[in-house]
Structure formats: structure tokens, C-alpha cells
Amino acid sequence: MSIFYEEVHKTCYNYEVSELSVFKYFNLRKNSPPVFSEVDRSMLCMVCEGTIEVQFGRHGTEVVEAGNFFLVPPGVYFYGRQIGQAQVMCGSFSGKPKFCNIYSIENLYHDATASHINPEDSFYTLPIRERLQQFLELLAACINDGIMCIHFHQLKLQELFLLLRMYYTKAELACMFAPIFGADDDFRQFVLKHYKEFVDIKQFSALANMTPSTFQRHFKQTFKKPVNKWFMDLKSEQIIRDIKTSTKSINEISDEYGFSSLQYFSNFCKRQFGKNPTELRAESF
């Protein structure tokens, strides 16, 4: 269905290009490029049709079938590829969600503390229930019609969280959003914005106006792991994603990540993934 005055809408400063939109709808067919996460934001990934294989951080490959959705927290590299044909809706957001004007994720955390949820990079799925399915169908139709107004997307994001509040239990939502419980959003956004600029904790902590010890303590509280381990895990996730999904040569990837030689890069991959880069690229997704 066509929208009226499309050219007028496109001149509005609220009419964002698709790369900046809150929601993205993927109709995945054979040879479609993988779906990637945005490392500086959280992403809810909803499989509307078909089946996808996903690589989630350092976890092994997971298979998610139609009618299920999951959360990719910020700072975690994710990529997904369809099995056959699939349709996927992804919604990105910054900070901590509010399920309604009086119920935030902090309220959910306090209500769910008795559940003893482990927030360590968990991969958890929930079913797409009837009202959420109806919401996704209308949203997909509007996106396909060309509605890319950022105000529209933000309103739909609020509606999505309200539907989650209404049609899912607190225990279910606590399991889904556990990876972002208790995080300092300002500090997390600071790290995700600047982490590529520094490899030295002293420099990074100085930019954050903290002592190195305070920075490391605050970092572990926010990201649930020490600074050096987080950097190593993120670098490993970036490397394995490039090896498996990009058209770059092994030499190009090695140079891009600062390895002094191909042999050193190969040894790194064997230590981190148990195989050399060529073996990793040859194996299935």
C-alpha cells in the first residue's frame, strides 16, 4: 500500500535513513547477507517466519525457529543467517527500557531477584504471542510501505515494550533482559563509544576521569567481566565474524586487527577457537 506525499515526508528531519531506524525488517532469501547487531545498542530480534542460525558472542551456534525472539545486549557481537527463507524483525534501543510510565527495568529487577537469574551473556528466547505477532505484521507492512519516520519508530518501540509488559510474565521478562540488569548506562555508552581508541587502561581511565583501579572496578560491575577479558572477547568476536561473513582475505583481516604476521594471527585463532583461520572459514556457519 502506498503512502501519500512520500517525497514530502522524506524532506522532514524526522525521516531517517534506514540505517538509523529503530526497526529493521529483513526478508532473507538464499545468499542474503547475514543480519548483524549494533554493538552500541541492545537489539530485540524476532523471527517471524522460517528459521535462522545465530552466532551470539562467544557462544556456539544457536538455531531459532519462527515464532520466537531474543535479546542481543550491547557490547555483544551477533550475526544471524537464514536456513532456507526467513523473515526477521529487529528493534534496537539504547539504555534501559521502560515497559510503561511507572514500570522500568529496575522495577523488574527488584521484582525478580528471588529468581536467581544469571546475567552472564545468557541466550534466552521467548515465544511471539498472538498480540505481539499482530503488532509485528502491521509494523512490517508499514516499513515495507516506506514509513521510516523516526518518531513513528520510537512510538512503535514504546508500544512493543508495553505489549511485553502486558503479555509476558515478570519471570519471563527477567530472563530476557537479565544481561542488561544493573548496568550503568552512561558508563556503558562511554565505553562502547571510545573502546576502539584505546588499548591502555591508564589512558582509557584518564579519559573517563577515573583512577585505573576505580575504572576497572566500575567496568566489571557494568560489563560483568574484567577490562582485559572484555577487550579480548570482543576482539575475538569481531575476528570470527569477519572470517565467517566477510569477503576480506585472511591476510586483510590479520592486518586490520594489528597482527604482526599471518603465523601470529593463525596461532591466535587456534588458541581462541581451536582452528586456524582457513579452517574456520571453510566450516559451515
Protein backbone atom coordinates (compact mmCIF):
# COMPACT_ATOMS: atom_id res chain seq x y z
CA MET A 1 0.00 0.00 0.00
CA SER A 2 1.38 3.42 -0.97
CA ILE A 3 1.70 6.30 1.48
CA PHE A 4 0.61 9.80 0.49
CA TYR A 5 3.14 12.62 -0.02
CA GLU A 6 6.16 10.34 0.29
CA GLU A 7 8.54 12.93 -1.14
CA VAL A 8 7.33 15.48 1.42
CA HIS A 9 7.92 13.01 4.25
CA LYS A 10 11.46 12.33 3.05
CA THR A 11 12.37 16.04 3.39
CA CYS A 12 11.39 16.06 7.09
CA TYR A 13 14.31 15.96 9.54
CA ASN A 14 12.48 13.17 11.40
CA TYR A 15 12.54 10.98 8.31
CA GLU A 16 15.73 8.99 8.91
CA VAL A 17 17.62 6.78 6.51
CA SER A 18 17.06 3.07 7.08
CA GLU A 19 20.48 2.55 8.75
CA LEU A 20 19.40 4.79 11.64
CA SER A 21 15.88 3.45 12.10
CA VAL A 22 14.79 1.75 15.31
CA PHE A 23 13.19 -1.20 13.50
CA LYS A 24 14.60 -3.09 10.52
CA TYR A 25 12.74 -5.79 8.66
CA PHE A 26 14.71 -8.47 6.84
CA ASN A 27 13.23 -10.75 4.19
CA LEU A 28 16.07 -13.28 4.00
CA ARG A 29 16.45 -15.50 0.96
CA LYS A 30 19.20 -17.70 -0.41
CA ASN A 31 22.54 -15.83 -0.40
CA SER A 32 21.14 -12.91 1.60
CA PRO A 33 23.83 -11.22 3.74
CA PRO A 34 23.73 -12.03 7.46
CA VAL A 35 21.83 -9.91 9.98
CA PHE A 36 24.25 -8.07 12.28
CA SER A 37 23.79 -6.48 15.69
CA GLU A 38 24.73 -2.89 16.51
CA VAL A 39 27.31 -3.16 19.26
CA ASP A 40 26.48 0.18 20.90
CA ARG A 41 22.77 -0.66 21.31
CA SER A 42 20.61 -3.52 22.53
CA MET A 43 18.59 -5.38 19.92
CA LEU A 44 15.44 -7.48 20.11
CA CYS A 45 15.47 -9.97 17.26
CA MET A 46 12.10 -11.53 16.33
CA VAL A 47 11.92 -14.44 13.88
CA CYS A 48 8.56 -14.03 12.13
CA GLU A 49 8.92 -16.78 9.52
CA GLY A 50 11.41 -19.54 8.76
CA THR A 51 14.45 -20.49 10.83
CA ILE A 52 17.75 -18.72 11.43
CA GLU A 53 21.13 -19.81 12.74
CA VAL A 54 22.76 -17.27 15.01
CA GLN A 55 26.25 -16.80 16.41
CA PHE A 56 25.88 -14.98 19.70
CA GLY A 57 29.08 -13.59 21.18
CA ARG A 58 31.42 -16.42 22.14
CA HIS A 59 28.55 -18.92 22.36
CA GLY A 60 28.16 -21.70 19.85
CA THR A 61 25.67 -21.55 17.01
CA GLU A 62 22.03 -21.44 18.07
CA VAL A 63 19.00 -22.26 15.92
CA VAL A 64 15.94 -20.05 16.40
CA GLU A 65 12.68 -21.03 14.73
CA ALA A 66 9.77 -18.85 13.64
CA GLY A 67 7.61 -17.58 16.47
CA ASN A 68 10.47 -16.82 18.88
CA PHE A 69 12.53 -13.77 19.79
CA PHE A 70 15.67 -12.99 21.80
CA LEU A 71 17.77 -10.10 23.09
CA VAL A 72 21.27 -9.17 21.97
CA PRO A 73 22.74 -6.87 24.68
CA PRO A 74 25.13 -4.01 23.81
CA GLY A 75 28.78 -4.94 23.57
CA VAL A 76 27.99 -8.39 22.14
CA TYR A 77 28.61 -9.25 18.50
CA PHE A 78 25.78 -11.18 16.92
CA TYR A 79 25.17 -12.35 13.37
CA GLY A 80 22.38 -14.50 12.01
CA ARG A 81 21.72 -16.30 8.74
CA GLN A 82 18.55 -17.92 7.46
CA ILE A 83 18.03 -21.62 6.88
CA GLY A 84 16.11 -21.63 3.60
CA GLN A 85 13.99 -18.47 3.74
CA ALA A 86 13.19 -16.36 6.79
CA GLN A 87 11.67 -13.06 7.84
CA VAL A 88 13.15 -11.25 10.81
CA MET A 89 12.23 -8.01 12.59
CA CYS A 90 14.96 -6.35 14.65
CA GLY A 91 14.33 -3.47 17.05
CA SER A 92 17.27 -1.56 18.53
CA PHE A 93 17.28 0.64 21.63
CA SER A 94 19.74 2.45 23.86
CA GLY A 95 19.74 2.45 27.62
CA LYS A 96 17.28 0.61 29.79
CA PRO A 97 13.71 0.09 28.57
CA LYS A 98 10.60 1.34 30.34
CA PHE A 99 7.75 -1.08 29.96
CA CYS A 100 5.29 1.69 30.84
CA ASN A 101 5.39 5.06 32.57
CA ILE A 102 5.52 3.51 36.03
CA TYR A 103 7.35 0.21 35.46
CA SER A 104 11.01 0.21 34.42
CA ILE A 105 13.63 -2.48 34.12
CA GLU A 106 14.82 -1.51 37.62
CA ASN A 107 11.36 -2.42 38.92
CA LEU A 108 11.58 -5.72 37.04
CA TYR A 109 15.00 -6.42 38.53
CA HIS A 110 13.76 -5.87 42.07
CA ASP A 111 10.66 -7.98 41.45
CA ALA A 112 12.70 -10.85 40.03
CA THR A 113 15.65 -11.03 42.45
CA ALA A 114 14.17 -14.17 44.02
CA SER A 115 14.57 -15.97 40.65
CA HIS A 116 18.40 -16.05 40.98
CA ILE A 117 18.91 -15.15 37.31
CA ASN A 118 22.46 -15.28 35.97
CA PRO A 119 23.11 -12.25 33.73
CA GLU A 120 26.30 -13.67 32.21
CA ASP A 121 25.85 -13.41 28.42
CA SER A 122 22.76 -15.61 28.55
CA PHE A 123 20.98 -16.60 25.36
CA TYR A 124 17.28 -16.84 26.08
CA THR A 125 14.26 -16.99 23.77
CA LEU A 126 10.57 -16.27 24.29
CA PRO A 127 7.60 -17.17 22.09
CA ILE A 128 5.99 -14.48 19.93
CA ARG A 129 2.46 -14.47 21.32
CA GLU A 130 -0.65 -13.58 19.36
CA ARG A 131 -0.81 -9.85 20.12
CA LEU A 132 2.91 -9.43 19.51
CA GLN A 133 2.56 -11.29 16.19
CA GLN A 134 -0.23 -8.93 15.14
CA PHE A 135 1.93 -5.94 16.12
CA LEU A 136 4.85 -7.26 14.04
CA GLU A 137 2.69 -7.91 10.99
CA LEU A 138 1.37 -4.33 10.97
CA LEU A 139 4.84 -2.89 11.65
CA ALA A 140 6.36 -4.92 8.80
CA ALA A 141 3.64 -3.71 6.43
CA CYS A 142 4.25 -0.07 7.40
CA ILE A 143 8.02 -0.42 6.94
CA ASN A 144 7.50 -2.07 3.55
CA ASP A 145 5.24 0.87 2.62
CA GLY A 146 8.17 3.16 3.32
CA ILE A 147 7.33 4.65 6.71
CA MET A 148 10.79 5.49 8.05
CA CYS A 149 9.84 8.43 10.29
CA ILE A 150 11.94 8.15 13.45
CA HIS A 151 9.02 9.47 15.52
CA PHE A 152 6.85 6.59 14.22
CA HIS A 153 9.59 4.07 15.07
CA GLN A 154 10.01 5.45 18.59
CA LEU A 155 6.27 5.26 19.21
CA LYS A 156 6.24 1.65 17.98
CA LEU A 157 9.15 0.85 20.30
CA GLN A 158 7.12 2.17 23.24
CA GLU A 159 4.18 0.07 22.08
CA LEU A 160 6.40 -3.01 21.85
CA PHE A 161 7.57 -2.68 25.46
CA LEU A 162 4.01 -2.09 26.62
CA LEU A 163 2.93 -5.32 24.87
CA LEU A 164 5.79 -7.17 26.56
CA ARG A 165 4.60 -5.82 29.91
CA MET A 166 1.02 -6.96 29.24
CA TYR A 167 1.51 -10.40 27.64
CA TYR A 168 4.64 -11.79 29.35
CA THR A 169 5.27 -12.66 32.97
CA LYS A 170 7.82 -10.85 35.11
CA ALA A 171 9.86 -14.06 35.33
CA GLU A 172 9.97 -14.36 31.51
CA LEU A 173 10.96 -10.73 31.05
CA ALA A 174 13.58 -11.01 33.79
CA CYS A 175 15.24 -13.91 31.96
CA MET A 176 15.13 -12.00 28.67
CA PHE A 177 16.57 -8.73 29.99
CA ALA A 178 18.95 -10.16 32.61
CA PRO A 179 22.07 -9.25 30.54
CA ILE A 180 21.36 -5.53 30.98
CA PHE A 181 20.34 -5.62 34.65
CA GLY A 182 22.32 -3.34 36.95
CA ALA A 183 24.42 -1.67 34.24
CA ASP A 184 25.45 1.99 34.37
CA ASP A 185 24.11 3.19 31.02
CA ASP A 186 26.21 6.37 30.84
CA PHE A 187 29.42 4.49 31.56
CA ARG A 188 28.49 1.66 29.17
CA GLN A 189 27.76 4.10 26.34
CA PHE A 190 31.06 5.87 27.06
CA VAL A 191 32.99 2.60 26.78
CA LEU A 192 31.19 1.47 23.62
CA LYS A 193 31.82 4.85 22.00
CA HIS A 194 35.56 5.00 22.79
CA TYR A 195 36.79 1.41 23.18
CA LYS A 196 38.37 1.34 19.70
CA GLU A 197 40.55 4.34 20.55
CA PHE A 198 42.41 2.80 23.50
CA VAL A 199 44.15 -0.42 24.43
CA ASP A 200 45.79 1.03 27.54
CA ILE A 201 43.67 1.03 30.72
CA LYS A 202 45.54 4.04 32.10
CA GLN A 203 44.65 6.18 29.07
CA PHE A 204 41.06 4.91 29.00
CA SER A 205 40.54 5.59 32.71
CA ALA A 206 42.03 9.08 32.33
CA LEU A 207 39.52 9.89 29.58
CA ALA A 208 36.76 8.70 31.93
CA ASN A 209 38.22 10.95 34.68
CA MET A 210 38.77 7.94 36.96
CA THR A 211 41.76 6.27 38.55
CA PRO A 212 42.70 2.96 36.86
CA SER A 213 41.50 0.96 39.88
CA THR A 214 38.14 2.78 40.02
CA PHE A 215 37.73 2.40 36.25
CA GLN A 216 38.41 -1.35 36.39
CA ARG A 217 36.02 -1.85 39.31
CA HIS A 218 33.26 0.16 37.61
CA PHE A 219 33.91 -1.67 34.34
CA LYS A 220 33.48 -5.09 35.93
CA GLN A 221 30.26 -4.00 37.63
CA THR A 222 28.84 -2.80 34.29
CA PHE A 223 30.11 -5.45 31.86
CA LYS A 224 30.27 -8.42 34.28
CA LYS A 225 33.90 -9.19 33.40
CA PRO A 226 37.37 -7.60 33.78
CA VAL A 227 38.52 -4.98 31.24
CA ASN A 228 41.20 -7.13 29.58
CA LYS A 229 38.91 -10.15 29.22
CA TRP A 230 36.12 -7.98 27.77
CA PHE A 231 38.51 -6.49 25.19
CA MET A 232 39.86 -9.92 24.26
CA ASP A 233 36.36 -11.43 23.95
CA LEU A 234 35.14 -8.52 21.82
CA LYS A 235 38.19 -8.68 19.57
CA SER A 236 37.70 -12.43 19.17
CA GLU A 237 34.01 -11.94 18.31
CA GLN A 238 34.90 -9.33 15.68
CA ILE A 239 37.57 -11.56 14.15
CA ILE A 240 35.43 -14.69 13.93
CA ARG A 241 32.57 -12.68 12.43
CA ASP A 242 34.86 -11.23 9.74
CA ILE A 243 36.34 -14.63 8.96
CA LYS A 244 32.93 -16.27 8.56
CA THR A 245 30.88 -13.49 6.96
CA SER A 246 33.11 -11.03 5.11
CA THR A 247 34.78 -11.25 1.71
CA LYS A 248 38.09 -9.96 3.13
CA SER A 249 41.11 -12.19 2.68
CA ILE A 250 42.72 -13.80 5.71
CA ASN A 251 45.73 -11.51 5.21
CA GLU A 252 43.47 -8.43 5.19
CA ILE A 253 41.77 -9.49 8.42
CA SER A 254 45.13 -10.20 10.05
CA ASP A 255 46.45 -6.75 9.10
CA GLU A 256 43.23 -4.99 10.12
CA TYR A 257 43.46 -6.33 13.67
CA GLY A 258 47.13 -5.47 14.05
CA PHE A 259 48.78 -8.90 13.94
CA SER A 260 52.45 -8.65 13.04
CA SER A 261 52.39 -11.81 10.92
CA LEU A 262 49.96 -14.33 9.47
CA GLN A 263 51.54 -17.01 11.66
CA TYR A 264 50.81 -14.95 14.80
CA PHE A 265 47.22 -14.49 13.61
CA SER A 266 46.90 -18.21 12.96
CA ASN A 267 48.22 -19.02 16.44
CA PHE A 268 45.73 -16.57 17.95
CA CYS A 269 42.81 -18.28 16.18
CA LYS A 270 43.99 -21.73 17.25
CA ARG A 271 44.23 -20.55 20.84
CA GLN A 272 40.84 -18.79 20.83
CA PHE A 273 38.78 -21.03 18.53
CA GLY A 274 40.71 -24.29 18.25
CA LYS A 275 41.26 -23.91 14.47
CA ASN A 276 43.33 -21.78 12.11
CA PRO A 277 41.64 -19.02 10.03
CA THR A 278 41.41 -21.12 6.87
CA GLU A 279 39.72 -23.98 8.74
CA LEU A 280 37.29 -21.55 10.39
CA ARG A 281 36.32 -20.04 7.05
CA ALA A 282 35.83 -23.45 5.46
CA GLU A 283 33.49 -24.80 8.10
CA SER A 284 29.75 -24.21 7.94
CA PHE A 285 28.17 -21.16 9.56
